[in-house]
């Protein structure tokens, strides 16, 4: 499944992970909550099953390409249970715009990770 993610990228999920996420979003949210409806409309509603073409490429629906500004070249990132798909220019802009926040997050969360 592919859907519009957060931060102007697409999220690509294996079917079982998508089911888990969509079930959680639908069950945890009251239809009377404006914010819950917003999340459901932005993440659940545009989700579409995707297919591979004859050469094994992912065929992304035009509506989702337009939603996130995906043009020609893209960047893919594996993020634990899903893949982010970014337009290369959008991703570069995102990195520039969030450099200071990245530094702060690294300092704040770095101690919580036993990496080194």
PDB file of N, CA and C in Angstrom:
ATOM      1  N   UNK A   1       0.852  -1.187   0.000  1.00  0.00           N
ATOM      2  CA  UNK A   1       0.000   0.000   0.000  1.00  0.00           C
ATOM      3  C   UNK A   1       0.887   1.235   0.000  1.00  0.00           C
ATOM      4  N   UNK A   2       0.429   2.230  -0.711  1.00  0.00           N
ATOM      5  CA  UNK A   2       1.120   3.513  -0.720  1.00  0.00           C
ATOM      6  C   UNK A   2       0.104   4.594  -0.367  1.00  0.00           C
ATOM      7  N   UNK A   3       0.560   5.565   0.420  1.00  0.00           N
ATOM      8  CA  UNK A   3      -0.314   6.658   0.816  1.00  0.00           C
ATOM      9  C   UNK A   3       0.508   7.917   1.008  1.00  0.00           C
ATOM     10  N   UNK A   4      -0.181   9.027   1.111  1.00  0.00           N
ATOM     11  CA  UNK A   4       0.486  10.282   1.417  1.00  0.00           C
ATOM     12  C   UNK A   4       0.937  10.229   2.867  1.00  0.00           C
ATOM     13  N   UNK A   5       2.206  10.502   3.082  1.00  0.00           N
ATOM     14  CA  UNK A   5       2.735  10.512   4.437  1.00  0.00           C
ATOM     15  C   UNK A   5       2.757  11.926   4.989  1.00  0.00           C
ATOM     16  N   UNK A   6       3.548  12.097   6.001  1.00  0.00           N
ATOM     17  CA  UNK A   6       3.731  13.406   6.609  1.00  0.00           C
ATOM     18  C   UNK A   6       5.000  14.004   6.001  1.00  0.00           C
ATOM     19  N   UNK A   7       5.089  15.308   5.924  1.00  0.00           N
ATOM     20  CA  UNK A   7       6.281  16.002   5.406  1.00  0.00           C
ATOM     21  C   UNK A   7       6.447  15.885   3.900  1.00  0.00           C
ATOM     22  N   UNK A   8       5.379  15.846   3.144  1.00  0.00           N
ATOM     23  CA  UNK A   8       5.416  15.837   1.670  1.00  0.00           C
ATOM     24  C   UNK A   8       6.190  14.664   1.088  1.00  0.00           C
ATOM     25  N   UNK A   9       5.955  13.497   1.631  1.00  0.00           N
ATOM     26  CA  UNK A   9       6.516  12.272   1.066  1.00  0.00           C
ATOM     27  C   UNK A   9       5.410  11.224   1.021  1.00  0.00           C
ATOM     28  N   UNK A  10       5.687  10.138   0.321  1.00  0.00           N
ATOM     29  CA  UNK A  10       4.770   9.000   0.307  1.00  0.00           C
ATOM     30  C   UNK A  10       5.277   7.957   1.283  1.00  0.00           C
ATOM     31  N   UNK A  11       4.358   7.181   1.815  1.00  0.00           N
ATOM     32  CA  UNK A  11       4.708   6.040   2.657  1.00  0.00           C
ATOM     33  C   UNK A  11       4.307   4.778   1.917  1.00  0.00           C
ATOM     34  N   UNK A  12       5.216   3.845   1.835  1.00  0.00           N
ATOM     35  CA  UNK A  12       4.985   2.559   1.179  1.00  0.00           C
ATOM     36  C   UNK A  12       5.064   1.468   2.245  1.00  0.00           C
ATOM     37  N   UNK A  13       3.976   0.723   2.413  1.00  0.00           N
ATOM     38  CA  UNK A  13       3.872  -0.297   3.455  1.00  0.00           C
ATOM     39  C   UNK A  13       3.650  -1.678   2.868  1.00  0.00           C
ATOM     40  N   UNK A  14       4.244  -2.710   3.494  1.00  0.00           N
ATOM     41  CA  UNK A  14       3.817  -4.076   3.179  1.00  0.00           C
ATOM     42  C   UNK A  14       2.362  -4.226   3.658  1.00  0.00           C
ATOM     43  N   UNK A  15       1.582  -5.104   3.042  1.00  0.00           N
ATOM     44  CA  UNK A  15       0.156  -5.229   3.395  1.00  0.00           C
ATOM     45  C   UNK A  15      -0.117  -5.446   4.882  1.00  0.00           C
ATOM     46  N   UNK A  16       0.652  -6.293   5.549  1.00  0.00           N
ATOM     47  CA  UNK A  16       0.374  -6.567   6.965  1.00  0.00           C
ATOM     48  C   UNK A  16       0.654  -5.352   7.845  1.00  0.00           C
ATOM     49  N   UNK A  17       1.702  -4.602   7.541  1.00  0.00           N
ATOM     50  CA  UNK A  17       2.008  -3.394   8.320  1.00  0.00           C
ATOM     51  C   UNK A  17       0.956  -2.311   8.069  1.00  0.00           C
ATOM     52  N   UNK A  18       0.501  -2.206   6.822  1.00  0.00           N
ATOM     53  CA  UNK A  18      -0.540  -1.231   6.506  1.00  0.00           C
ATOM     54  C   UNK A  18      -1.826  -1.557   7.263  1.00  0.00           C
ATOM     55  N   UNK A  19      -2.196  -2.810   7.295  1.00  0.00           N
ATOM     56  CA  UNK A  19      -3.411  -3.211   8.008  1.00  0.00           C
ATOM     57  C   UNK A  19      -3.307  -2.829   9.475  1.00  0.00           C
ATOM     58  N   UNK A  20      -2.154  -3.089  10.069  1.00  0.00           N
ATOM     59  CA  UNK A  20      -1.961  -2.769  11.482  1.00  0.00           C
ATOM     60  C   UNK A  20      -2.085  -1.257  11.719  1.00  0.00           C
ATOM     61  N   UNK A  21      -1.409  -0.459  10.904  1.00  0.00           N
ATOM     62  CA  UNK A  21      -1.466   0.995  11.071  1.00  0.00           C
ATOM     63  C   UNK A  21      -2.877   1.525  10.827  1.00  0.00           C
ATOM     64  N   UNK A  22      -3.496   1.124   9.735  1.00  0.00           N
ATOM     65  CA  UNK A  22      -4.828   1.648   9.418  1.00  0.00           C
ATOM     66  C   UNK A  22      -5.858   1.211  10.461  1.00  0.00           C
ATOM     67  N   UNK A  23      -5.751  -0.020  10.936  1.00  0.00           N
ATOM     68  CA  UNK A  23      -6.659  -0.471  11.999  1.00  0.00           C
ATOM     69  C   UNK A  23      -6.491   0.380  13.253  1.00  0.00           C
ATOM     70  N   UNK A  24      -5.240   0.662  13.622  1.00  0.00           N
ATOM     71  CA  UNK A  24      -4.985   1.478  14.813  1.00  0.00           C
ATOM     72  C   UNK A  24      -5.555   2.880  14.651  1.00  0.00           C
ATOM     73  N   UNK A  25      -5.348   3.473  13.488  1.00  0.00           N
ATOM     74  CA  UNK A  25      -5.867   4.826  13.260  1.00  0.00           C
ATOM     75  C   UNK A  25      -7.391   4.858  13.283  1.00  0.00           C
ATOM     76  N   UNK A  26      -8.012   3.844  12.733  1.00  0.00           N
ATOM     77  CA  UNK A  26      -9.471   3.817  12.681  1.00  0.00           C
ATOM     78  C   UNK A  26     -10.082   3.499  14.049  1.00  0.00           C
ATOM     79  N   UNK A  27      -9.476   2.592  14.790  1.00  0.00           N
ATOM     80  CA  UNK A  27     -10.038   2.186  16.077  1.00  0.00           C
ATOM     81  C   UNK A  27      -9.811   3.224  17.166  1.00  0.00           C
ATOM     82  N   UNK A  28      -8.675   3.906  17.116  1.00  0.00           N
ATOM     83  CA  UNK A  28      -8.334   4.845  18.180  1.00  0.00           C
ATOM     84  C   UNK A  28      -9.034   6.187  18.023  1.00  0.00           C
ATOM     85  N   UNK A  29      -9.631   6.418  16.887  1.00  0.00           N
ATOM     86  CA  UNK A  29     -10.162   7.741  16.599  1.00  0.00           C
ATOM     87  C   UNK A  29     -11.682   7.763  16.600  1.00  0.00           C
ATOM     88  N   UNK A  30     -12.204   8.746  17.294  1.00  0.00           N
ATOM     89  CA  UNK A  30     -13.650   8.957  17.289  1.00  0.00           C
ATOM     90  C   UNK A  30     -14.038   9.712  16.022  1.00  0.00           C
ATOM     91  N   UNK A  31     -15.141   9.335  15.386  1.00  0.00           N
ATOM     92  CA  UNK A  31     -15.586  10.092  14.211  1.00  0.00           C
ATOM     93  C   UNK A  31     -16.028  11.514  14.577  1.00  0.00           C
ATOM     94  N   UNK A  32     -16.141  11.786  15.870  1.00  0.00           N
ATOM     95  CA  UNK A  32     -16.529  13.118  16.322  1.00  0.00           C
ATOM     96  C   UNK A  32     -15.324  14.016  16.577  1.00  0.00           C
ATOM     97  N   UNK A  33     -14.136  13.445  16.448  1.00  0.00           N
ATOM     98  CA  UNK A  33     -12.908  14.214  16.647  1.00  0.00           C
ATOM     99  C   UNK A  33     -12.437  14.790  15.311  1.00  0.00           C
ATOM    100  N   UNK A  34     -12.353  16.113  15.249  1.00  0.00           N
ATOM    101  CA  UNK A  34     -11.913  16.778  14.020  1.00  0.00           C
ATOM    102  C   UNK A  34     -10.503  16.345  13.636  1.00  0.00           C
ATOM    103  N   UNK A  35      -9.612  16.240  14.602  1.00  0.00           N
ATOM    104  CA  UNK A  35      -8.224  15.842  14.323  1.00  0.00           C
ATOM    105  C   UNK A  35      -8.142  14.397  13.844  1.00  0.00           C
ATOM    106  N   UNK A  36      -8.951  13.539  14.418  1.00  0.00           N
ATOM    107  CA  UNK A  36      -8.966  12.136  13.984  1.00  0.00           C
ATOM    108  C   UNK A  36      -9.432  12.038  12.538  1.00  0.00           C
ATOM    109  N   UNK A  37     -10.477  12.774  12.206  1.00  0.00           N
ATOM    110  CA  UNK A  37     -10.967  12.760  10.820  1.00  0.00           C
ATOM    111  C   UNK A  37      -9.914  13.296   9.865  1.00  0.00           C
ATOM    112  N   UNK A  38      -9.188  14.306  10.290  1.00  0.00           N
ATOM    113  CA  UNK A  38      -8.125  14.866   9.456  1.00  0.00           C
ATOM    114  C   UNK A  38      -7.057  13.815   9.163  1.00  0.00           C
ATOM    115  N   UNK A  39      -6.609  13.106  10.194  1.00  0.00           N
ATOM    116  CA  UNK A  39      -5.610  12.048   9.985  1.00  0.00           C
ATOM    117  C   UNK A  39      -6.146  10.952   9.077  1.00  0.00           C
ATOM    118  N   UNK A  40      -7.373  10.549   9.307  1.00  0.00           N
ATOM    119  CA  UNK A  40      -7.956   9.501   8.468  1.00  0.00           C
ATOM    120  C   UNK A  40      -8.061   9.953   7.012  1.00  0.00           C
ATOM    121  N   UNK A  41      -8.430  11.199   6.808  1.00  0.00           N
ATOM    122  CA  UNK A  41      -8.569  11.707   5.433  1.00  0.00           C
ATOM    123  C   UNK A  41      -7.227  11.907   4.752  1.00  0.00           C
ATOM    124  N   UNK A  42      -6.206  12.236   5.516  1.00  0.00           N
ATOM    125  CA  UNK A  42      -4.892  12.484   4.917  1.00  0.00           C
ATOM    126  C   UNK A  42      -4.060  11.220   4.752  1.00  0.00           C
ATOM    127  N   UNK A  43      -4.285  10.207   5.603  1.00  0.00           N
ATOM    128  CA  UNK A  43      -3.449   9.004   5.547  1.00  0.00           C
ATOM    129  C   UNK A  43      -4.224   7.793   5.031  1.00  0.00           C
ATOM    130  N   UNK A  44      -5.397   7.534   5.568  1.00  0.00           N
ATOM    131  CA  UNK A  44      -6.162   6.339   5.191  1.00  0.00           C
ATOM    132  C   UNK A  44      -6.845   6.502   3.827  1.00  0.00           C
ATOM    133  N   UNK A  45      -7.568   7.598   3.657  1.00  0.00           N
ATOM    134  CA  UNK A  45      -8.381   7.768   2.445  1.00  0.00           C
ATOM    135  C   UNK A  45      -7.590   7.714   1.135  1.00  0.00           C
ATOM    136  N   UNK A  46      -6.416   8.354   1.033  1.00  0.00           N
ATOM    137  CA  UNK A  46      -5.722   8.317  -0.266  1.00  0.00           C
ATOM    138  C   UNK A  46      -4.938   7.031  -0.529  1.00  0.00           C
ATOM    139  N   UNK A  47      -4.899   6.124   0.427  1.00  0.00           N
ATOM    140  CA  UNK A  47      -4.103   4.898   0.277  1.00  0.00           C
ATOM    141  C   UNK A  47      -4.588   4.065  -0.906  1.00  0.00           C
ATOM    142  N   UNK A  48      -3.631   3.525  -1.635  1.00  0.00           N
ATOM    143  CA  UNK A  48      -3.960   2.702  -2.793  1.00  0.00           C
ATOM    144  C   UNK A  48      -3.018   1.508  -2.860  1.00  0.00           C
ATOM    145  N   UNK A  49      -3.566   0.402  -3.320  1.00  0.00           N
ATOM    146  CA  UNK A  49      -2.713  -0.754  -3.590  1.00  0.00           C
ATOM    147  C   UNK A  49      -1.891  -0.432  -4.822  1.00  0.00           C
ATOM    148  N   UNK A  50      -0.669  -0.925  -4.829  1.00  0.00           N
ATOM    149  CA  UNK A  50       0.187  -0.669  -5.979  1.00  0.00           C
ATOM    150  C   UNK A  50       0.621  -1.982  -6.601  1.00  0.00           C
ATOM    151  N   UNK A  51       1.036  -1.870  -7.823  1.00  0.00           N
ATOM    152  CA  UNK A  51       1.517  -3.035  -8.557  1.00  0.00           C
ATOM    153  C   UNK A  51       2.897  -2.729  -9.108  1.00  0.00           C
ATOM    154  N   UNK A  52       3.590  -3.778  -9.475  1.00  0.00           N
ATOM    155  CA  UNK A  52       4.877  -3.623 -10.143  1.00  0.00           C
ATOM    156  C   UNK A  52       4.657  -3.776 -11.640  1.00  0.00           C
ATOM    157  N   UNK A  53       5.442  -3.029 -12.415  1.00  0.00           N
ATOM    158  CA  UNK A  53       5.339  -3.215 -13.859  1.00  0.00           C
ATOM    159  C   UNK A  53       6.180  -4.423 -14.272  1.00  0.00           C
ATOM    160  N   UNK A  54       6.300  -4.668 -15.562  1.00  0.00           N
ATOM    161  CA  UNK A  54       7.003  -5.857 -16.058  1.00  0.00           C
ATOM    162  C   UNK A  54       8.476  -5.881 -15.689  1.00  0.00           C
ATOM    163  N   UNK A  55       9.046  -4.706 -15.403  1.00  0.00           N
ATOM    164  CA  UNK A  55      10.467  -4.654 -15.035  1.00  0.00           C
ATOM    165  C   UNK A  55      10.670  -4.543 -13.527  1.00  0.00           C
ATOM    166  N   UNK A  56       9.589  -4.656 -12.753  1.00  0.00           N
ATOM    167  CA  UNK A  56       9.695  -4.642 -11.297  1.00  0.00           C
ATOM    168  C   UNK A  56       9.647  -3.258 -10.666  1.00  0.00           C
ATOM    169  N   UNK A  57       9.248  -2.260 -11.432  1.00  0.00           N
ATOM    170  CA  UNK A  57       9.152  -0.905 -10.887  1.00  0.00           C
ATOM    171  C   UNK A  57       7.796  -0.694 -10.223  1.00  0.00           C
ATOM    172  N   UNK A  58       7.797   0.168  -9.205  1.00  0.00           N
ATOM    173  CA  UNK A  58       6.568   0.534  -8.506  1.00  0.00           C
ATOM    174  C   UNK A  58       5.815   1.546  -9.357  1.00  0.00           C
ATOM    175  N   UNK A  59       4.538   1.307  -9.560  1.00  0.00           N
ATOM    176  CA  UNK A  59       3.701   2.250 -10.303  1.00  0.00           C
ATOM    177  C   UNK A  59       2.917   3.098  -9.303  1.00  0.00           C
ATOM    178  N   UNK A  60       3.336   4.344  -9.136  1.00  0.00           N
ATOM    179  CA  UNK A  60       2.702   5.241  -8.172  1.00  0.00           C
ATOM    180  C   UNK A  60       1.556   5.983  -8.853  1.00  0.00           C
ATOM    181  N   UNK A  61       0.376   5.951  -8.255  1.00  0.00           N
ATOM    182  CA  UNK A  61      -0.773   6.638  -8.847  1.00  0.00           C
ATOM    183  C   UNK A  61      -0.513   8.141  -9.020  1.00  0.00           C
ATOM    184  N   UNK A  62      -0.932   8.708 -10.149  1.00  0.00           N
ATOM    185  CA  UNK A  62      -0.716  10.138 -10.405  1.00  0.00           C
ATOM    186  C   UNK A  62      -1.256  11.050  -9.302  1.00  0.00           C
ATOM    187  N   UNK A  63      -2.384  10.699  -8.714  1.00  0.00           N
ATOM    188  CA  UNK A  63      -2.958  11.549  -7.660  1.00  0.00           C
ATOM    189  C   UNK A  63      -2.021  11.658  -6.462  1.00  0.00           C
ATOM    190  N   UNK A  64      -1.348  10.570  -6.112  1.00  0.00           N
ATOM    191  CA  UNK A  64      -0.410  10.618  -4.992  1.00  0.00           C
ATOM    192  C   UNK A  64       0.869  11.353  -5.375  1.00  0.00           C
ATOM    193  N   UNK A  65       1.313  11.191  -6.616  1.00  0.00           N
ATOM    194  CA  UNK A  65       2.480  11.955  -7.077  1.00  0.00           C
ATOM    195  C   UNK A  65       2.213  13.448  -6.938  1.00  0.00           C
ATOM    196  N   UNK A  66       1.034  13.850  -7.362  1.00  0.00           N
ATOM    197  CA  UNK A  66       0.669  15.267  -7.305  1.00  0.00           C
ATOM    198  C   UNK A  66       0.584  15.754  -5.861  1.00  0.00           C
ATOM    199  N   UNK A  67       0.032  14.948  -4.981  1.00  0.00           N
ATOM    200  CA  UNK A  67      -0.134  15.329  -3.578  1.00  0.00           C
ATOM    201  C   UNK A  67       1.186  15.715  -2.929  1.00  0.00           C
ATOM    202  N   UNK A  68       2.258  14.980  -3.227  1.00  0.00           N
ATOM    203  CA  UNK A  68       3.548  15.232  -2.574  1.00  0.00           C
ATOM    204  C   UNK A  68       4.563  15.909  -3.491  1.00  0.00           C
ATOM    205  N   UNK A  69       4.153  16.270  -4.697  1.00  0.00           N
ATOM    206  CA  UNK A  69       5.064  16.958  -5.607  1.00  0.00           C
ATOM    207  C   UNK A  69       6.135  16.068  -6.203  1.00  0.00           C
ATOM    208  N   UNK A  70       5.840  14.789  -6.361  1.00  0.00           N
ATOM    209  CA  UNK A  70       6.801  13.842  -6.929  1.00  0.00           C
ATOM    210  C   UNK A  70       6.857  14.047  -8.436  1.00  0.00           C
ATOM    211  N   UNK A  71       8.037  14.419  -8.916  1.00  0.00           N
ATOM    212  CA  UNK A  71       8.180  14.701 -10.341  1.00  0.00           C
ATOM    213  C   UNK A  71       8.885  13.549 -11.041  1.00  0.00           C
ATOM    214  N   UNK A  72      10.207  13.638 -11.179  1.00  0.00           N
ATOM    215  CA  UNK A  72      10.922  12.599 -11.912  1.00  0.00           C
ATOM    216  C   UNK A  72      11.833  11.793 -10.986  1.00  0.00           C
ATOM    217  N   UNK A  73      12.878  12.438 -10.482  1.00  0.00           N
ATOM    218  CA  UNK A  73      13.837  11.738  -9.626  1.00  0.00           C
ATOM    219  C   UNK A  73      13.323  11.697  -8.195  1.00  0.00           C
ATOM    220  N   UNK A  74      13.557  10.563  -7.531  1.00  0.00           N
ATOM    221  CA  UNK A  74      13.076  10.437  -6.162  1.00  0.00           C
ATOM    222  C   UNK A  74      14.144   9.818  -5.265  1.00  0.00           C
ATOM    223  N   UNK A  75      13.913   9.961  -3.973  1.00  0.00           N
ATOM    224  CA  UNK A  75      14.769   9.411  -2.928  1.00  0.00           C
ATOM    225  C   UNK A  75      13.912   8.433  -2.138  1.00  0.00           C
ATOM    226  N   UNK A  76      14.461   7.255  -1.852  1.00  0.00           N
ATOM    227  CA  UNK A  76      13.754   6.262  -1.043  1.00  0.00           C
ATOM    228  C   UNK A  76      14.532   6.022   0.239  1.00  0.00           C
ATOM    229  N   UNK A  77      13.802   5.967   1.352  1.00  0.00           N
ATOM    230  CA  UNK A  77      14.405   5.692   2.650  1.00  0.00           C
ATOM    231  C   UNK A  77      13.629   4.584   3.340  1.00  0.00           C
ATOM    232  N   UNK A  78      14.333   3.546   3.770  1.00  0.00           N
ATOM    233  CA  UNK A  78      13.702   2.518   4.585  1.00  0.00           C
ATOM    234  C   UNK A  78      13.639   3.001   6.017  1.00  0.00           C
ATOM    235  N   UNK A  79      12.440   3.101   6.576  1.00  0.00           N
ATOM    236  CA  UNK A  79      12.238   3.582   7.942  1.00  0.00           C
ATOM    237  C   UNK A  79      11.537   2.475   8.726  1.00  0.00           C
ATOM    238  N   UNK A  80      12.288   1.553   9.248  1.00  0.00           N
ATOM    239  CA  UNK A  80      11.809   0.427  10.047  1.00  0.00           C
ATOM    240  C   UNK A  80      10.746  -0.402   9.338  1.00  0.00           C
ATOM    241  N   UNK A  81       9.466  -0.001   9.398  1.00  0.00           N
ATOM    242  CA  UNK A  81       8.383  -0.832   8.856  1.00  0.00           C
ATOM    243  C   UNK A  81       7.805  -0.309   7.548  1.00  0.00           C
ATOM    244  N   UNK A  82       8.352   0.763   7.026  1.00  0.00           N
ATOM    245  CA  UNK A  82       7.833   1.329   5.781  1.00  0.00           C
ATOM    246  C   UNK A  82       8.955   2.026   5.020  1.00  0.00           C
ATOM    247  N   UNK A  83       8.647   2.458   3.811  1.00  0.00           N
ATOM    248  CA  UNK A  83       9.601   3.180   2.976  1.00  0.00           C
ATOM    249  C   UNK A  83       9.021   4.554   2.685  1.00  0.00           C
ATOM    250  N   UNK A  84       9.859   5.584   2.821  1.00  0.00           N
ATOM    251  CA  UNK A  84       9.463   6.924   2.412  1.00  0.00           C
ATOM    252  C   UNK A  84       9.928   7.152   0.981  1.00  0.00           C
ATOM    253  N   UNK A  85       9.070   7.783   0.180  1.00  0.00           N
ATOM    254  CA  UNK A  85       9.407   8.137  -1.196  1.00  0.00           C
ATOM    255  C   UNK A  85       9.262   9.655  -1.321  1.00  0.00           C
ATOM    256  N   UNK A  86      10.375  10.315  -1.626  1.00  0.00           N
ATOM    257  CA  UNK A  86      10.428  11.772  -1.724  1.00  0.00           C
ATOM    258  C   UNK A  86      10.823  12.202  -3.129  1.00  0.00           C
ATOM    259  N   UNK A  87      10.292  13.315  -3.587  1.00  0.00           N
ATOM    260  CA  UNK A  87      10.865  13.997  -4.736  1.00  0.00           C
ATOM    261  C   UNK A  87      12.234  14.498  -4.290  1.00  0.00           C
ATOM    262  N   UNK A  88      13.250  14.344  -5.117  1.00  0.00           N
ATOM    263  CA  UNK A  88      14.615  14.681  -4.712  1.00  0.00           C
ATOM    264  C   UNK A  88      14.739  16.151  -4.303  1.00  0.00           C
ATOM    265  N   UNK A  89      14.073  17.057  -5.012  1.00  0.00           N
ATOM    266  CA  UNK A  89      14.145  18.475  -4.654  1.00  0.00           C
ATOM    267  C   UNK A  89      13.393  18.762  -3.357  1.00  0.00           C
ATOM    268  N   UNK A  90      12.245  18.125  -3.165  1.00  0.00           N
ATOM    269  CA  UNK A  90      11.488  18.288  -1.916  1.00  0.00           C
ATOM    270  C   UNK A  90      12.310  17.807  -0.725  1.00  0.00           C
ATOM    271  N   UNK A  91      13.008  16.678  -0.903  1.00  0.00           N
ATOM    272  CA  UNK A  91      13.803  16.135   0.197  1.00  0.00           C
ATOM    273  C   UNK A  91      14.969  17.056   0.537  1.00  0.00           C
ATOM    274  N   UNK A  92      15.641  17.583  -0.472  1.00  0.00           N
ATOM    275  CA  UNK A  92      16.742  18.524  -0.229  1.00  0.00           C
ATOM    276  C   UNK A  92      16.240  19.755   0.519  1.00  0.00           C
ATOM    277  N   UNK A  93      15.090  20.274   0.107  1.00  0.00           N
ATOM    278  CA  UNK A  93      14.504  21.434   0.780  1.00  0.00           C
ATOM    279  C   UNK A  93      14.140  21.087   2.225  1.00  0.00           C
ATOM    280  N   UNK A  94      13.582  19.906   2.435  1.00  0.00           N
ATOM    281  CA  UNK A  94      13.219  19.465   3.786  1.00  0.00           C
ATOM    282  C   UNK A  94      14.455  19.428   4.692  1.00  0.00           C
ATOM    283  N   UNK A  95      15.549  18.875   4.181  1.00  0.00           N
ATOM    284  CA  UNK A  95      16.775  18.807   4.981  1.00  0.00           C
ATOM    285  C   UNK A  95      17.279  20.203   5.334  1.00  0.00           C
ATOM    286  N   UNK A  96      17.288  21.098   4.373  1.00  0.00           N
ATOM    287  CA  UNK A  96      17.748  22.471   4.632  1.00  0.00           C
ATOM    288  C   UNK A  96      16.859  23.155   5.669  1.00  0.00           C
ATOM    289  N   UNK A  97      15.555  23.034   5.501  1.00  0.00           N
ATOM    290  CA  UNK A  97      14.607  23.709   6.391  1.00  0.00           C
ATOM    291  C   UNK A  97      14.646  23.169   7.817  1.00  0.00           C
ATOM    292  N   UNK A  98      15.090  21.945   7.988  1.00  0.00           N
ATOM    293  CA  UNK A  98      15.034  21.308   9.306  1.00  0.00           C
ATOM    294  C   UNK A  98      16.401  21.034   9.918  1.00  0.00           C
ATOM    295  N   UNK A  99      17.441  21.655   9.407  1.00  0.00           N
ATOM    296  CA  UNK A  99      18.793  21.395   9.907  1.00  0.00           C
ATOM    297  C   UNK A  99      18.921  21.706  11.396  1.00  0.00           C
ATOM    298  N   UNK A 100      18.453  22.878  11.826  1.00  0.00           N
ATOM    299  CA  UNK A 100      18.565  23.243  13.240  1.00  0.00           C
ATOM    300  C   UNK A 100      17.782  22.278  14.126  1.00  0.00           C
ATOM    301  N   UNK A 101      16.582  21.943  13.705  1.00  0.00           N
ATOM    302  CA  UNK A 101      15.764  21.012  14.489  1.00  0.00           C
ATOM    303  C   UNK A 101      16.404  19.627  14.534  1.00  0.00           C
ATOM    304  N   UNK A 102      17.061  19.229  13.438  1.00  0.00           N
ATOM    305  CA  UNK A 102      17.769  17.948  13.412  1.00  0.00           C
ATOM    306  C   UNK A 102      18.859  17.923  14.477  1.00  0.00           C
ATOM    307  N   UNK A 103      19.625  18.996  14.560  1.00  0.00           N
ATOM    308  CA  UNK A 103      20.695  19.070  15.557  1.00  0.00           C
ATOM    309  C   UNK A 103      20.120  18.959  16.969  1.00  0.00           C
ATOM    310  N   UNK A 104      19.033  19.667  17.225  1.00  0.00           N
ATOM    311  CA  UNK A 104      18.392  19.619  18.539  1.00  0.00           C
ATOM    312  C   UNK A 104      17.858  18.217  18.842  1.00  0.00           C
ATOM    313  N   UNK A 105      17.224  17.593  17.860  1.00  0.00           N
ATOM    314  CA  UNK A 105      16.682  16.244  18.059  1.00  0.00           C
ATOM    315  C   UNK A 105      17.799  15.246  18.318  1.00  0.00           C
ATOM    316  N   UNK A 106      18.912  15.389  17.603  1.00  0.00           N
ATOM    317  CA  UNK A 106      20.044  14.481  17.803  1.00  0.00           C
ATOM    318  C   UNK A 106      20.581  14.607  19.219  1.00  0.00           C
ATOM    319  N   UNK A 107      20.683  15.840  19.712  1.00  0.00           N
ATOM    320  CA  UNK A 107      21.161  16.047  21.078  1.00  0.00           C
ATOM    321  C   UNK A 107      20.157  15.507  22.092  1.00  0.00           C
ATOM    322  N   UNK A 108      18.881  15.784  21.867  1.00  0.00           N
ATOM    323  CA  UNK A 108      17.832  15.377  22.803  1.00  0.00           C
ATOM    324  C   UNK A 108      17.643  13.864  22.841  1.00  0.00           C
ATOM    325  N   UNK A 109      17.572  13.239  21.673  1.00  0.00           N
ATOM    326  CA  UNK A 109      17.270  11.814  21.597  1.00  0.00           C
ATOM    327  C   UNK A 109      18.511  10.935  21.567  1.00  0.00           C
ATOM    328  N   UNK A 110      19.656  11.532  21.310  1.00  0.00           N
ATOM    329  CA  UNK A 110      20.888  10.754  21.196  1.00  0.00           C
ATOM    330  C   UNK A 110      21.203   9.939  22.435  1.00  0.00           C
ATOM    331  N   UNK A 111      20.906  10.484  23.605  1.00  0.00           N
ATOM    332  CA  UNK A 111      21.175   9.763  24.838  1.00  0.00           C
ATOM    333  C   UNK A 111      20.250   8.584  25.056  1.00  0.00           C
ATOM    334  N   UNK A 112      19.123   8.567  24.357  1.00  0.00           N
ATOM    335  CA  UNK A 112      18.149   7.489  24.522  1.00  0.00           C
ATOM    336  C   UNK A 112      18.475   6.284  23.650  1.00  0.00           C
ATOM    337  N   UNK A 113      19.481   6.426  22.801  1.00  0.00           N
ATOM    338  CA  UNK A 113      19.825   5.356  21.867  1.00  0.00           C
ATOM    339  C   UNK A 113      21.149   4.737  22.276  1.00  0.00           C
ATOM    340  N   UNK A 114      21.165   3.417  22.505  1.00  0.00           N
ATOM    341  CA  UNK A 114      22.425   2.749  22.823  1.00  0.00           C
ATOM    342  C   UNK A 114      23.063   2.268  21.532  1.00  0.00           C
ATOM    343  N   UNK A 115      23.694   3.180  20.861  1.00  0.00           N
ATOM    344  CA  UNK A 115      24.267   2.855  19.557  1.00  0.00           C
ATOM    345  C   UNK A 115      25.770   2.659  19.650  1.00  0.00           C
ATOM    346  N   UNK A 116      26.426   3.521  20.399  1.00  0.00           N
ATOM    347  CA  UNK A 116      27.894   3.468  20.455  1.00  0.00           C
ATOM    348  C   UNK A 116      28.382   2.740  21.673  1.00  0.00           C
TER     349      UNK A 116
END
